[in-house]
């Protein structure tokens, strides 16, 4: 997608602190972390949100979750715990309209919806 920052990052046209990459996905540090570990796992192919997934994307979504687990291990938070979050739409806090999985951890978290 023209102008999509995540498309630019996955294509190597914009800087990011990349932790993992393969032919399907790229994982990099979020520039506005909400926890000590905050990584985004992004498919290379532009998909706007969860709402735009098709049955053919089931393997890709599974791969994103797998990559998040690998990065959690790499970052040393696999044993203490972490969260995986897909925000879908503006009311959920999706700010970049390219599907991405948040991996957050590195501290004890509570749960609250404001």
C-alpha atoms as a PDB file:
ATOM      1  CA  UNK A   1       0.000   0.000   0.000  1.00  0.00           C
ATOM      2  CA  UNK A   2       1.385   3.348  -0.958  1.00  0.00           C
ATOM      3  CA  UNK A   3       2.194   5.392   2.148  1.00  0.00           C
ATOM      4  CA  UNK A   4       1.731   2.567   4.673  1.00  0.00           C
ATOM      5  CA  UNK A   5       4.564   2.798   7.216  1.00  0.00           C
ATOM      6  CA  UNK A   6       4.464  -0.934   7.939  1.00  0.00           C
ATOM      7  CA  UNK A   7       4.702  -1.734   4.226  1.00  0.00           C
ATOM      8  CA  UNK A   8       7.747   0.539   4.079  1.00  0.00           C
ATOM      9  CA  UNK A   9       9.329  -1.164   7.099  1.00  0.00           C
ATOM     10  CA  UNK A  10       8.749  -4.658   5.719  1.00  0.00           C
ATOM     11  CA  UNK A  11      10.234  -3.577   2.381  1.00  0.00           C
ATOM     12  CA  UNK A  12      13.307  -2.089   4.077  1.00  0.00           C
ATOM     13  CA  UNK A  13      12.375   1.437   3.013  1.00  0.00           C
ATOM     14  CA  UNK A  14      11.836   2.810   6.553  1.00  0.00           C
ATOM     15  CA  UNK A  15      13.938   2.258   9.662  1.00  0.00           C
ATOM     16  CA  UNK A  16      12.913  -0.089  12.464  1.00  0.00           C
ATOM     17  CA  UNK A  17      14.635  -2.063  15.214  1.00  0.00           C
ATOM     18  CA  UNK A  18      13.997  -5.446  13.608  1.00  0.00           C
ATOM     19  CA  UNK A  19      14.137  -8.530  15.834  1.00  0.00           C
ATOM     20  CA  UNK A  20      12.933 -11.168  13.370  1.00  0.00           C
ATOM     21  CA  UNK A  21      12.134 -11.456   9.694  1.00  0.00           C
ATOM     22  CA  UNK A  22      11.296 -14.150   7.198  1.00  0.00           C
ATOM     23  CA  UNK A  23       9.424 -14.366   3.897  1.00  0.00           C
ATOM     24  CA  UNK A  24       6.022 -13.862   5.577  1.00  0.00           C
ATOM     25  CA  UNK A  25       6.552 -11.553   8.555  1.00  0.00           C
ATOM     26  CA  UNK A  26       8.718  -8.955  10.264  1.00  0.00           C
ATOM     27  CA  UNK A  27       8.908  -8.261  14.014  1.00  0.00           C
ATOM     28  CA  UNK A  28      10.240  -4.978  15.361  1.00  0.00           C
ATOM     29  CA  UNK A  29      10.159  -2.809  18.475  1.00  0.00           C
ATOM     30  CA  UNK A  30       7.164  -0.477  18.788  1.00  0.00           C
ATOM     31  CA  UNK A  31       8.293   3.171  18.811  1.00  0.00           C
ATOM     32  CA  UNK A  32       5.702   3.962  21.523  1.00  0.00           C
ATOM     33  CA  UNK A  33       6.070   1.041  23.944  1.00  0.00           C
ATOM     34  CA  UNK A  34       3.456   0.496  26.652  1.00  0.00           C
ATOM     35  CA  UNK A  35       5.545  -2.143  28.474  1.00  0.00           C
ATOM     36  CA  UNK A  36       9.283  -2.818  28.738  1.00  0.00           C
ATOM     37  CA  UNK A  37       8.925  -5.303  25.874  1.00  0.00           C
ATOM     38  CA  UNK A  38       6.602  -4.105  23.115  1.00  0.00           C
ATOM     39  CA  UNK A  39       7.098  -5.697  19.716  1.00  0.00           C
ATOM     40  CA  UNK A  40       4.928  -5.567  16.599  1.00  0.00           C
ATOM     41  CA  UNK A  41       4.663  -8.652  14.406  1.00  0.00           C
ATOM     42  CA  UNK A  42       3.567  -7.609  10.925  1.00  0.00           C
ATOM     43  CA  UNK A  43       2.818  -9.611   7.789  1.00  0.00           C
ATOM     44  CA  UNK A  44       4.809  -8.509   4.757  1.00  0.00           C
ATOM     45  CA  UNK A  45       1.616  -8.543   2.700  1.00  0.00           C
ATOM     46  CA  UNK A  46      -0.643  -5.577   3.338  1.00  0.00           C
ATOM     47  CA  UNK A  47      -3.866  -6.587   5.062  1.00  0.00           C
ATOM     48  CA  UNK A  48      -5.787  -3.697   6.576  1.00  0.00           C
ATOM     49  CA  UNK A  49      -7.153  -5.453   9.679  1.00  0.00           C
ATOM     50  CA  UNK A  50      -8.545  -8.693  11.100  1.00  0.00           C
ATOM     51  CA  UNK A  51     -11.778  -7.802   9.295  1.00  0.00           C
ATOM     52  CA  UNK A  52     -10.013  -8.302   5.972  1.00  0.00           C
ATOM     53  CA  UNK A  53      -8.680 -11.788   6.652  1.00  0.00           C
ATOM     54  CA  UNK A  54      -9.933 -14.654   4.500  1.00  0.00           C
ATOM     55  CA  UNK A  55      -9.834 -18.410   5.091  1.00  0.00           C
ATOM     56  CA  UNK A  56      -6.656 -18.454   2.986  1.00  0.00           C
ATOM     57  CA  UNK A  57      -4.980 -16.303   5.671  1.00  0.00           C
ATOM     58  CA  UNK A  58      -5.363 -18.836   8.502  1.00  0.00           C
ATOM     59  CA  UNK A  59      -1.797 -20.072   8.050  1.00  0.00           C
ATOM     60  CA  UNK A  60      -0.438 -16.532   8.011  1.00  0.00           C
ATOM     61  CA  UNK A  61      -2.185 -15.623  11.266  1.00  0.00           C
ATOM     62  CA  UNK A  62      -0.850 -18.793  12.867  1.00  0.00           C
ATOM     63  CA  UNK A  63       2.606 -17.851  11.660  1.00  0.00           C
ATOM     64  CA  UNK A  64       2.328 -14.383  13.228  1.00  0.00           C
ATOM     65  CA  UNK A  65       1.465 -16.007  16.568  1.00  0.00           C
ATOM     66  CA  UNK A  66       4.353 -18.472  16.178  1.00  0.00           C
ATOM     67  CA  UNK A  67       6.772 -15.606  15.440  1.00  0.00           C
ATOM     68  CA  UNK A  68       5.519 -13.746  18.527  1.00  0.00           C
ATOM     69  CA  UNK A  69       6.330 -16.790  20.648  1.00  0.00           C
ATOM     70  CA  UNK A  70       9.818 -17.007  19.170  1.00  0.00           C
ATOM     71  CA  UNK A  71      10.437 -13.312  19.833  1.00  0.00           C
ATOM     72  CA  UNK A  72       9.102 -13.659  23.406  1.00  0.00           C
ATOM     73  CA  UNK A  73      11.711 -16.378  23.974  1.00  0.00           C
ATOM     74  CA  UNK A  74      14.403 -14.251  22.355  1.00  0.00           C
ATOM     75  CA  UNK A  75      13.451 -11.285  24.564  1.00  0.00           C
ATOM     76  CA  UNK A  76      13.431 -13.437  27.713  1.00  0.00           C
ATOM     77  CA  UNK A  77       9.754 -13.013  28.624  1.00  0.00           C
ATOM     78  CA  UNK A  78       8.444 -16.427  27.588  1.00  0.00           C
ATOM     79  CA  UNK A  79       8.492 -17.797  31.139  1.00  0.00           C
ATOM     80  CA  UNK A  80       7.257 -14.708  33.015  1.00  0.00           C
ATOM     81  CA  UNK A  81       4.383 -14.139  30.598  1.00  0.00           C
ATOM     82  CA  UNK A  82       3.233 -11.831  27.845  1.00  0.00           C
ATOM     83  CA  UNK A  83       0.146 -10.737  25.912  1.00  0.00           C
ATOM     84  CA  UNK A  84      -0.663 -10.934  22.220  1.00  0.00           C
ATOM     85  CA  UNK A  85      -3.118  -8.338  20.953  1.00  0.00           C
ATOM     86  CA  UNK A  86      -4.695  -7.549  17.587  1.00  0.00           C
ATOM     87  CA  UNK A  87      -6.410  -4.142  17.662  1.00  0.00           C
ATOM     88  CA  UNK A  88      -9.115  -3.883  15.002  1.00  0.00           C
ATOM     89  CA  UNK A  89     -10.563  -0.489  14.098  1.00  0.00           C
ATOM     90  CA  UNK A  90     -10.208   2.953  15.625  1.00  0.00           C
ATOM     91  CA  UNK A  91     -12.348   2.264  18.715  1.00  0.00           C
ATOM     92  CA  UNK A  92     -10.001  -0.603  19.614  1.00  0.00           C
ATOM     93  CA  UNK A  93      -6.950   1.629  19.212  1.00  0.00           C
ATOM     94  CA  UNK A  94      -5.758   0.531  15.778  1.00  0.00           C
ATOM     95  CA  UNK A  95      -3.632   3.469  14.632  1.00  0.00           C
ATOM     96  CA  UNK A  96      -1.845   1.900  11.648  1.00  0.00           C
ATOM     97  CA  UNK A  97      -4.210   0.185   9.254  1.00  0.00           C
ATOM     98  CA  UNK A  98      -1.938  -2.725   8.381  1.00  0.00           C
ATOM     99  CA  UNK A  99      -2.625  -5.900  10.356  1.00  0.00           C
ATOM    100  CA  UNK A 100      -0.201  -6.250  13.256  1.00  0.00           C
ATOM    101  CA  UNK A 101       0.112  -8.285  16.409  1.00  0.00           C
ATOM    102  CA  UNK A 102       1.325  -6.576  19.585  1.00  0.00           C
ATOM    103  CA  UNK A 103       3.594  -8.651  21.820  1.00  0.00           C
ATOM    104  CA  UNK A 104       3.755  -6.936  25.209  1.00  0.00           C
ATOM    105  CA  UNK A 105       5.426  -8.011  28.421  1.00  0.00           C
ATOM    106  CA  UNK A 106       8.341  -7.473  30.725  1.00  0.00           C
ATOM    107  CA  UNK A 107       6.254  -6.513  33.764  1.00  0.00           C
ATOM    108  CA  UNK A 108       3.204  -7.726  35.671  1.00  0.00           C
ATOM    109  CA  UNK A 109       0.041  -6.462  34.012  1.00  0.00           C
ATOM    110  CA  UNK A 110      -3.458  -5.955  35.300  1.00  0.00           C
ATOM    111  CA  UNK A 111      -6.603  -5.888  33.259  1.00  0.00           C
ATOM    112  CA  UNK A 112      -8.851  -2.915  32.846  1.00  0.00           C
ATOM    113  CA  UNK A 113     -11.052  -1.544  30.127  1.00  0.00           C
ATOM    114  CA  UNK A 114     -11.590   2.172  30.415  1.00  0.00           C
END
